[in-house]
Amino acid sequence: MATKKKSTKKSAKTYRCPTCGMLVQMKDEDYPFCSDRCRKIDLGKWAMGVYKISSPILDPEVLEDLGLLDSGGRNSDDE
């Protein structure tokens, strides 16, 4: 009966460049991008506001600093 040997060589995981979709490996110099050009395109999108991280601000101190809450913890729009 023949037995199969397990391959001890690990294959490198490949990912897609978030800008152009080209295949990229973790060991590549510009990972997770395929090139410096794609890295700069992505940075430009962040700078122009194309990408946004949105989550509600729940910290009352931060809301107060932004002028969205009065010192009593109420919404400044509520009157």
PDB file of N, CA and C in Angstrom:
ATOM      1  N   MET A   1       0.824  -1.159   0.000  1.00  0.00           N
ATOM      2  CA  MET A   1       0.000   0.000   0.000  1.00  0.00           C
ATOM      3  C   MET A   1       0.884   1.245   0.000  1.00  0.00           C
ATOM      4  N   ALA A   2       0.655   2.140  -0.929  1.00  0.00           N
ATOM      5  CA  ALA A   2       1.461   3.352  -1.063  1.00  0.00           C
ATOM      6  C   ALA A   2       0.935   4.429  -0.119  1.00  0.00           C
ATOM      7  N   THR A   3       1.861   5.113   0.486  1.00  0.00           N
ATOM      8  CA  THR A   3       1.467   6.216   1.363  1.00  0.00           C
ATOM      9  C   THR A   3       1.915   7.532   0.739  1.00  0.00           C
ATOM     10  N   LYS A   4       1.091   8.527   0.932  1.00  0.00           N
ATOM     11  CA  LYS A   4       1.437   9.842   0.394  1.00  0.00           C
ATOM     12  C   LYS A   4       2.244  10.608   1.435  1.00  0.00           C
ATOM     13  N   LYS A   5       3.301  11.252   0.976  1.00  0.00           N
ATOM     14  CA  LYS A   5       4.086  12.084   1.866  1.00  0.00           C
ATOM     15  C   LYS A   5       3.497  13.481   1.883  1.00  0.00           C
ATOM     16  N   LYS A   6       3.460  14.047   3.073  1.00  0.00           N
ATOM     17  CA  LYS A   6       2.989  15.424   3.190  1.00  0.00           C
ATOM     18  C   LYS A   6       4.104  16.357   2.746  1.00  0.00           C
ATOM     19  N   SER A   7       3.732  17.349   1.997  1.00  0.00           N
ATOM     20  CA  SER A   7       4.702  18.324   1.545  1.00  0.00           C
ATOM     21  C   SER A   7       5.112  19.210   2.713  1.00  0.00           C
ATOM     22  N   THR A   8       6.408  19.308   2.957  1.00  0.00           N
ATOM     23  CA  THR A   8       6.886  20.144   4.051  1.00  0.00           C
ATOM     24  C   THR A   8       7.136  21.574   3.593  1.00  0.00           C
ATOM     25  N   LYS A   9       7.130  21.790   2.290  1.00  0.00           N
ATOM     26  CA  LYS A   9       7.356  23.122   1.757  1.00  0.00           C
ATOM     27  C   LYS A   9       6.063  23.922   1.840  1.00  0.00           C
ATOM     28  N   LYS A  10       6.124  25.070   2.510  1.00  0.00           N
ATOM     29  CA  LYS A  10       4.938  25.914   2.632  1.00  0.00           C
ATOM     30  C   LYS A  10       4.826  26.789   1.393  1.00  0.00           C
ATOM     31  N   SER A  11       3.622  26.884   0.885  1.00  0.00           N
ATOM     32  CA  SER A  11       3.421  27.773  -0.251  1.00  0.00           C
ATOM     33  C   SER A  11       3.153  29.178   0.268  1.00  0.00           C
ATOM     34  N   ALA A  12       3.656  30.154  -0.456  1.00  0.00           N
ATOM     35  CA  ALA A  12       3.465  31.546  -0.048  1.00  0.00           C
ATOM     36  C   ALA A  12       2.029  31.958  -0.324  1.00  0.00           C
ATOM     37  N   LYS A  13       1.413  32.608   0.657  1.00  0.00           N
ATOM     38  CA  LYS A  13       0.045  33.075   0.470  1.00  0.00           C
ATOM     39  C   LYS A  13       0.055  34.260  -0.469  1.00  0.00           C
ATOM     40  N   THR A  14      -0.925  34.302  -1.326  1.00  0.00           N
ATOM     41  CA  THR A  14      -1.042  35.428  -2.238  1.00  0.00           C
ATOM     42  C   THR A  14      -2.304  36.207  -1.920  1.00  0.00           C
ATOM     43  N   TYR A  15      -2.214  37.483  -2.086  1.00  0.00           N
ATOM     44  CA  TYR A  15      -3.314  38.396  -1.839  1.00  0.00           C
ATOM     45  C   TYR A  15      -3.488  39.277  -3.063  1.00  0.00           C
ATOM     46  N   ARG A  16      -4.514  40.078  -3.067  1.00  0.00           N
ATOM     47  CA  ARG A  16      -4.758  41.005  -4.167  1.00  0.00           C
ATOM     48  C   ARG A  16      -4.450  42.426  -3.721  1.00  0.00           C
ATOM     49  N   CYS A  17      -3.820  43.180  -4.585  1.00  0.00           N
ATOM     50  CA  CYS A  17      -3.543  44.590  -4.339  1.00  0.00           C
ATOM     51  C   CYS A  17      -4.883  45.298  -4.195  1.00  0.00           C
ATOM     52  N   PRO A  18      -5.096  46.075  -3.125  1.00  0.00           N
ATOM     53  CA  PRO A  18      -6.380  46.734  -2.929  1.00  0.00           C
ATOM     54  C   PRO A  18      -6.668  47.812  -3.975  1.00  0.00           C
ATOM     55  N   THR A  19      -5.656  48.269  -4.691  1.00  0.00           N
ATOM     56  CA  THR A  19      -5.847  49.324  -5.673  1.00  0.00           C
ATOM     57  C   THR A  19      -6.176  48.772  -7.053  1.00  0.00           C
ATOM     58  N   CYS A  20      -5.379  47.807  -7.530  1.00  0.00           N
ATOM     59  CA  CYS A  20      -5.570  47.321  -8.908  1.00  0.00           C
ATOM     60  C   CYS A  20      -5.989  45.857  -8.994  1.00  0.00           C
ATOM     61  N   GLY A  21      -5.856  45.103  -7.908  1.00  0.00           N
ATOM     62  CA  GLY A  21      -6.278  43.711  -7.904  1.00  0.00           C
ATOM     63  C   GLY A  21      -5.217  42.717  -8.348  1.00  0.00           C
ATOM     64  N   MET A  22      -4.023  43.187  -8.609  1.00  0.00           N
ATOM     65  CA  MET A  22      -2.933  42.307  -9.026  1.00  0.00           C
ATOM     66  C   MET A  22      -2.520  41.392  -7.865  1.00  0.00           C
ATOM     67  N   LEU A  23      -2.045  40.195  -8.153  1.00  0.00           N
ATOM     68  CA  LEU A  23      -1.612  39.264  -7.108  1.00  0.00           C
ATOM     69  C   LEU A  23      -0.339  39.765  -6.435  1.00  0.00           C
ATOM     70  N   VAL A  24      -0.319  39.666  -5.099  1.00  0.00           N
ATOM     71  CA  VAL A  24       0.812  40.144  -4.301  1.00  0.00           C
ATOM     72  C   VAL A  24       1.116  39.103  -3.235  1.00  0.00           C
ATOM     73  N   GLN A  25       2.377  38.939  -2.912  1.00  0.00           N
ATOM     74  CA  GLN A  25       2.772  38.038  -1.828  1.00  0.00           C
ATOM     75  C   GLN A  25       3.264  38.865  -0.651  1.00  0.00           C
ATOM     76  N   MET A  26       3.132  38.308   0.546  1.00  0.00           N
ATOM     77  CA  MET A  26       3.524  39.030   1.769  1.00  0.00           C
ATOM     78  C   MET A  26       5.000  39.418   1.756  1.00  0.00           C
ATOM     79  N   LYS A  27       5.810  38.665   1.073  1.00  0.00           N
ATOM     80  CA  LYS A  27       7.249  38.949   1.056  1.00  0.00           C
ATOM     81  C   LYS A  27       7.606  40.085   0.100  1.00  0.00           C
ATOM     82  N   ASP A  28       6.659  40.514  -0.738  1.00  0.00           N
ATOM     83  CA  ASP A  28       6.929  41.578  -1.694  1.00  0.00           C
ATOM     84  C   ASP A  28       7.218  42.898  -0.984  1.00  0.00           C
ATOM     85  N   GLU A  29       8.049  43.712  -1.578  1.00  0.00           N
ATOM     86  CA  GLU A  29       8.510  44.971  -0.984  1.00  0.00           C
ATOM     87  C   GLU A  29       7.363  45.938  -0.679  1.00  0.00           C
ATOM     88  N   ASP A  30       6.387  46.025  -1.534  1.00  0.00           N
ATOM     89  CA  ASP A  30       5.310  46.997  -1.370  1.00  0.00           C
ATOM     90  C   ASP A  30       4.040  46.399  -0.791  1.00  0.00           C
ATOM     91  N   TYR A  31       4.113  45.203  -0.210  1.00  0.00           N
ATOM     92  CA  TYR A  31       2.938  44.543   0.367  1.00  0.00           C
ATOM     93  C   TYR A  31       2.205  45.487   1.307  1.00  0.00           C
ATOM     94  N   PRO A  32       0.927  45.599   1.265  1.00  0.00           N
ATOM     95  CA  PRO A  32      -0.080  44.817   0.554  1.00  0.00           C
ATOM     96  C   PRO A  32      -0.379  45.325  -0.847  1.00  0.00           C
ATOM     97  N   PHE A  33       0.411  46.284  -1.327  1.00  0.00           N
ATOM     98  CA  PHE A  33       0.225  46.798  -2.677  1.00  0.00           C
ATOM     99  C   PHE A  33       1.201  46.119  -3.621  1.00  0.00           C
ATOM    100  N   CYS A  34       0.915  46.207  -4.909  1.00  0.00           N
ATOM    101  CA  CYS A  34       1.803  45.563  -5.884  1.00  0.00           C
ATOM    102  C   CYS A  34       2.957  46.470  -6.270  1.00  0.00           C
ATOM    103  N   SER A  35       2.801  47.781  -6.056  1.00  0.00           N
ATOM    104  CA  SER A  35       3.840  48.724  -6.449  1.00  0.00           C
ATOM    105  C   SER A  35       3.730  49.997  -5.618  1.00  0.00           C
ATOM    106  N   ASP A  36       4.759  50.812  -5.716  1.00  0.00           N
ATOM    107  CA  ASP A  36       4.744  52.101  -5.027  1.00  0.00           C
ATOM    108  C   ASP A  36       3.656  52.993  -5.622  1.00  0.00           C
ATOM    109  N   ARG A  37       3.397  52.850  -6.910  1.00  0.00           N
ATOM    110  CA  ARG A  37       2.342  53.630  -7.565  1.00  0.00           C
ATOM    111  C   ARG A  37       0.982  53.349  -6.931  1.00  0.00           C
ATOM    112  N   CYS A  38       0.642  52.081  -6.744  1.00  0.00           N
ATOM    113  CA  CYS A  38      -0.641  51.716  -6.132  1.00  0.00           C
ATOM    114  C   CYS A  38      -0.708  52.192  -4.684  1.00  0.00           C
ATOM    115  N   ARG A  39       0.423  52.150  -3.982  1.00  0.00           N
ATOM    116  CA  ARG A  39       0.480  52.635  -2.602  1.00  0.00           C
ATOM    117  C   ARG A  39       0.144  54.131  -2.570  1.00  0.00           C
ATOM    118  N   LYS A  40       0.704  54.897  -3.500  1.00  0.00           N
ATOM    119  CA  LYS A  40       0.457  56.339  -3.541  1.00  0.00           C
ATOM    120  C   LYS A  40      -0.976  56.662  -3.974  1.00  0.00           C
ATOM    121  N   ILE A  41      -1.532  55.889  -4.869  1.00  0.00           N
ATOM    122  CA  ILE A  41      -2.926  56.079  -5.269  1.00  0.00           C
ATOM    123  C   ILE A  41      -3.829  55.893  -4.056  1.00  0.00           C
ATOM    124  N   ASP A  42      -3.568  54.848  -3.269  1.00  0.00           N
ATOM    125  CA  ASP A  42      -4.358  54.579  -2.070  1.00  0.00           C
ATOM    126  C   ASP A  42      -4.206  55.714  -1.053  1.00  0.00           C
ATOM    127  N   LEU A  43      -2.993  56.195  -0.858  1.00  0.00           N
ATOM    128  CA  LEU A  43      -2.750  57.305   0.069  1.00  0.00           C
ATOM    129  C   LEU A  43      -3.515  58.552  -0.386  1.00  0.00           C
ATOM    130  N   GLY A  44      -3.522  58.806  -1.690  1.00  0.00           N
ATOM    131  CA  GLY A  44      -4.257  59.940  -2.230  1.00  0.00           C
ATOM    132  C   GLY A  44      -5.750  59.838  -1.974  1.00  0.00           C
ATOM    133  N   LYS A  45      -6.289  58.630  -2.057  1.00  0.00           N
ATOM    134  CA  LYS A  45      -7.721  58.436  -1.781  1.00  0.00           C
ATOM    135  C   LYS A  45      -8.036  58.744  -0.326  1.00  0.00           C
ATOM    136  N   TRP A  46      -7.139  58.344   0.592  1.00  0.00           N
ATOM    137  CA  TRP A  46      -7.341  58.675   2.002  1.00  0.00           C
ATOM    138  C   TRP A  46      -7.287  60.188   2.192  1.00  0.00           C
ATOM    139  N   ALA A  47      -6.315  60.847   1.553  1.00  0.00           N
ATOM    140  CA  ALA A  47      -6.134  62.288   1.712  1.00  0.00           C
ATOM    141  C   ALA A  47      -7.315  63.078   1.156  1.00  0.00           C
ATOM    142  N   MET A  48      -7.929  62.581   0.083  1.00  0.00           N
ATOM    143  CA  MET A  48      -9.067  63.281  -0.527  1.00  0.00           C
ATOM    144  C   MET A  48     -10.381  62.972   0.182  1.00  0.00           C
ATOM    145  N   GLY A  49     -10.365  62.038   1.123  1.00  0.00           N
ATOM    146  CA  GLY A  49     -11.578  61.713   1.865  1.00  0.00           C
ATOM    147  C   GLY A  49     -12.451  60.680   1.201  1.00  0.00           C
ATOM    148  N   VAL A  50     -11.912  59.974   0.211  1.00  0.00           N
ATOM    149  CA  VAL A  50     -12.674  58.906  -0.441  1.00  0.00           C
ATOM    150  C   VAL A  50     -12.952  57.784   0.551  1.00  0.00           C
ATOM    151  N   TYR A  51     -11.937  57.449   1.347  1.00  0.00           N
ATOM    152  CA  TYR A  51     -12.093  56.436   2.384  1.00  0.00           C
ATOM    153  C   TYR A  51     -12.382  57.133   3.702  1.00  0.00           C
ATOM    154  N   LYS A  52     -13.260  56.556   4.496  1.00  0.00           N
ATOM    155  CA  LYS A  52     -13.583  57.124   5.799  1.00  0.00           C
ATOM    156  C   LYS A  52     -13.750  56.002   6.803  1.00  0.00           C
ATOM    157  N   ILE A  53     -13.313  56.233   8.005  1.00  0.00           N
ATOM    158  CA  ILE A  53     -13.569  55.300   9.096  1.00  0.00           C
ATOM    159  C   ILE A  53     -14.681  55.935   9.911  1.00  0.00           C
ATOM    160  N   SER A  54     -15.827  55.328   9.847  1.00  0.00           N
ATOM    161  CA  SER A  54     -16.948  55.935  10.560  1.00  0.00           C
ATOM    162  C   SER A  54     -17.416  55.030  11.690  1.00  0.00           C
ATOM    163  N   SER A  55     -17.524  55.646  12.823  1.00  0.00           N
ATOM    164  CA  SER A  55     -18.099  54.984  13.983  1.00  0.00           C
ATOM    165  C   SER A  55     -18.634  56.092  14.880  1.00  0.00           C
ATOM    166  N   PRO A  56     -19.689  55.829  15.587  1.00  0.00           N
ATOM    167  CA  PRO A  56     -20.249  56.874  16.432  1.00  0.00           C
ATOM    168  C   PRO A  56     -19.308  57.226  17.586  1.00  0.00           C
ATOM    169  N   ILE A  57     -19.256  58.502  17.905  1.00  0.00           N
ATOM    170  CA  ILE A  57     -18.457  58.950  19.035  1.00  0.00           C
ATOM    171  C   ILE A  57     -19.326  58.811  20.277  1.00  0.00           C
ATOM    172  N   LEU A  58     -18.907  57.951  21.182  1.00  0.00           N
ATOM    173  CA  LEU A  58     -19.705  57.674  22.367  1.00  0.00           C
ATOM    174  C   LEU A  58     -19.137  58.304  23.628  1.00  0.00           C
ATOM    175  N   ASP A  59     -17.895  58.767  23.576  1.00  0.00           N
ATOM    176  CA  ASP A  59     -17.255  59.346  24.746  1.00  0.00           C
ATOM    177  C   ASP A  59     -17.820  60.749  24.989  1.00  0.00           C
ATOM    178  N   PRO A  60     -18.515  60.974  26.112  1.00  0.00           N
ATOM    179  CA  PRO A  60     -19.126  62.276  26.383  1.00  0.00           C
ATOM    180  C   PRO A  60     -18.124  63.434  26.409  1.00  0.00           C
ATOM    181  N   GLU A  61     -16.888  63.175  26.865  1.00  0.00           N
ATOM    182  CA  GLU A  61     -15.881  64.229  26.894  1.00  0.00           C
ATOM    183  C   GLU A  61     -15.510  64.682  25.492  1.00  0.00           C
ATOM    184  N   VAL A  62     -15.391  63.739  24.566  1.00  0.00           N
ATOM    185  CA  VAL A  62     -15.065  64.085  23.183  1.00  0.00           C
ATOM    186  C   VAL A  62     -16.223  64.850  22.559  1.00  0.00           C
ATOM    187  N   LEU A  63     -17.446  64.405  22.810  1.00  0.00           N
ATOM    188  CA  LEU A  63     -18.611  65.102  22.276  1.00  0.00           C
ATOM    189  C   LEU A  63     -18.694  66.521  22.828  1.00  0.00           C
ATOM    190  N   GLU A  64     -18.365  66.692  24.103  1.00  0.00           N
ATOM    191  CA  GLU A  64     -18.379  68.023  24.713  1.00  0.00           C
ATOM    192  C   GLU A  64     -17.317  68.914  24.079  1.00  0.00           C
ATOM    193  N   ASP A  65     -16.128  68.345  23.850  1.00  0.00           N
ATOM    194  CA  ASP A  65     -15.048  69.109  23.218  1.00  0.00           C
ATOM    195  C   ASP A  65     -15.437  69.550  21.808  1.00  0.00           C
ATOM    196  N   LEU A  66     -16.215  68.733  21.119  1.00  0.00           N
ATOM    197  CA  LEU A  66     -16.659  69.071  19.772  1.00  0.00           C
ATOM    198  C   LEU A  66     -17.841  70.034  19.788  1.00  0.00           C
ATOM    199  N   GLY A  67     -18.368  70.305  20.968  1.00  0.00           N
ATOM    200  CA  GLY A  67     -19.499  71.210  21.082  1.00  0.00           C
ATOM    201  C   GLY A  67     -20.828  70.546  20.796  1.00  0.00           C
ATOM    202  N   LEU A  68     -20.865  69.236  20.836  1.00  0.00           N
ATOM    203  CA  LEU A  68     -22.095  68.511  20.548  1.00  0.00           C
ATOM    204  C   LEU A  68     -22.895  68.203  21.806  1.00  0.00           C
ATOM    205  N   LEU A  69     -22.266  68.335  22.969  1.00  0.00           N
ATOM    206  CA  LEU A  69     -22.956  68.147  24.249  1.00  0.00           C
ATOM    207  C   LEU A  69     -22.705  69.365  25.120  1.00  0.00           C
ATOM    208  N   ASP A  70     -23.686  69.712  25.929  1.00  0.00           N
ATOM    209  CA  ASP A  70     -23.432  70.756  26.923  1.00  0.00           C
ATOM    210  C   ASP A  70     -22.780  70.104  28.137  1.00  0.00           C
ATOM    211  N   SER A  71     -22.405  70.869  29.095  1.00  0.00           N
ATOM    212  CA  SER A  71     -21.684  70.333  30.263  1.00  0.00           C
ATOM    213  C   SER A  71     -22.549  69.406  31.106  1.00  0.00           C
ATOM    214  N   GLY A  72     -23.876  69.428  30.919  1.00  0.00           N
ATOM    215  CA  GLY A  72     -24.766  68.537  31.664  1.00  0.00           C
ATOM    216  C   GLY A  72     -24.913  67.176  31.002  1.00  0.00           C
ATOM    217  N   GLY A  73     -24.249  66.956  29.882  1.00  0.00           N
ATOM    218  CA  GLY A  73     -24.319  65.660  29.207  1.00  0.00           C
ATOM    219  C   GLY A  73     -25.487  65.537  28.247  1.00  0.00           C
ATOM    220  N   ARG A  74     -26.152  66.676  27.965  1.00  0.00           N
ATOM    221  CA  ARG A  74     -27.278  66.641  27.029  1.00  0.00           C
ATOM    222  C   ARG A  74     -26.827  67.083  25.662  1.00  0.00           C
ATOM    223  N   ASN A  75     -27.519  66.616  24.665  1.00  0.00           N
ATOM    224  CA  ASN A  75     -27.260  66.985  23.282  1.00  0.00           C
ATOM    225  C   ASN A  75     -27.521  68.480  23.123  1.00  0.00           C
ATOM    226  N   SER A  76     -26.616  69.219  22.513  1.00  0.00           N
ATOM    227  CA  SER A  76     -26.774  70.662  22.389  1.00  0.00           C
ATOM    228  C   SER A  76     -27.942  71.053  21.486  1.00  0.00           C
ATOM    229  N   ASP A  77     -28.433  70.135  20.676  1.00  0.00           N
ATOM    230  CA  ASP A  77     -29.585  70.382  19.810  1.00  0.00           C
ATOM    231  C   ASP A  77     -30.901  70.300  20.570  1.00  0.00           C
ATOM    232  N   ASP A  78     -30.898  69.611  21.720  1.00  0.00           N
ATOM    233  CA  ASP A  78     -32.115  69.463  22.515  1.00  0.00           C
ATOM    234  C   ASP A  78     -32.328  70.711  23.373  1.00  0.00           C
ATOM    235  N   GLU A  79     -33.401  71.410  23.157  1.00  0.00           N
ATOM    236  CA  GLU A  79     -33.666  72.598  23.973  1.00  0.00           C
ATOM    237  C   GLU A  79     -35.085  72.684  24.355  1.00  0.00           C
TER     238      GLU A  79
END
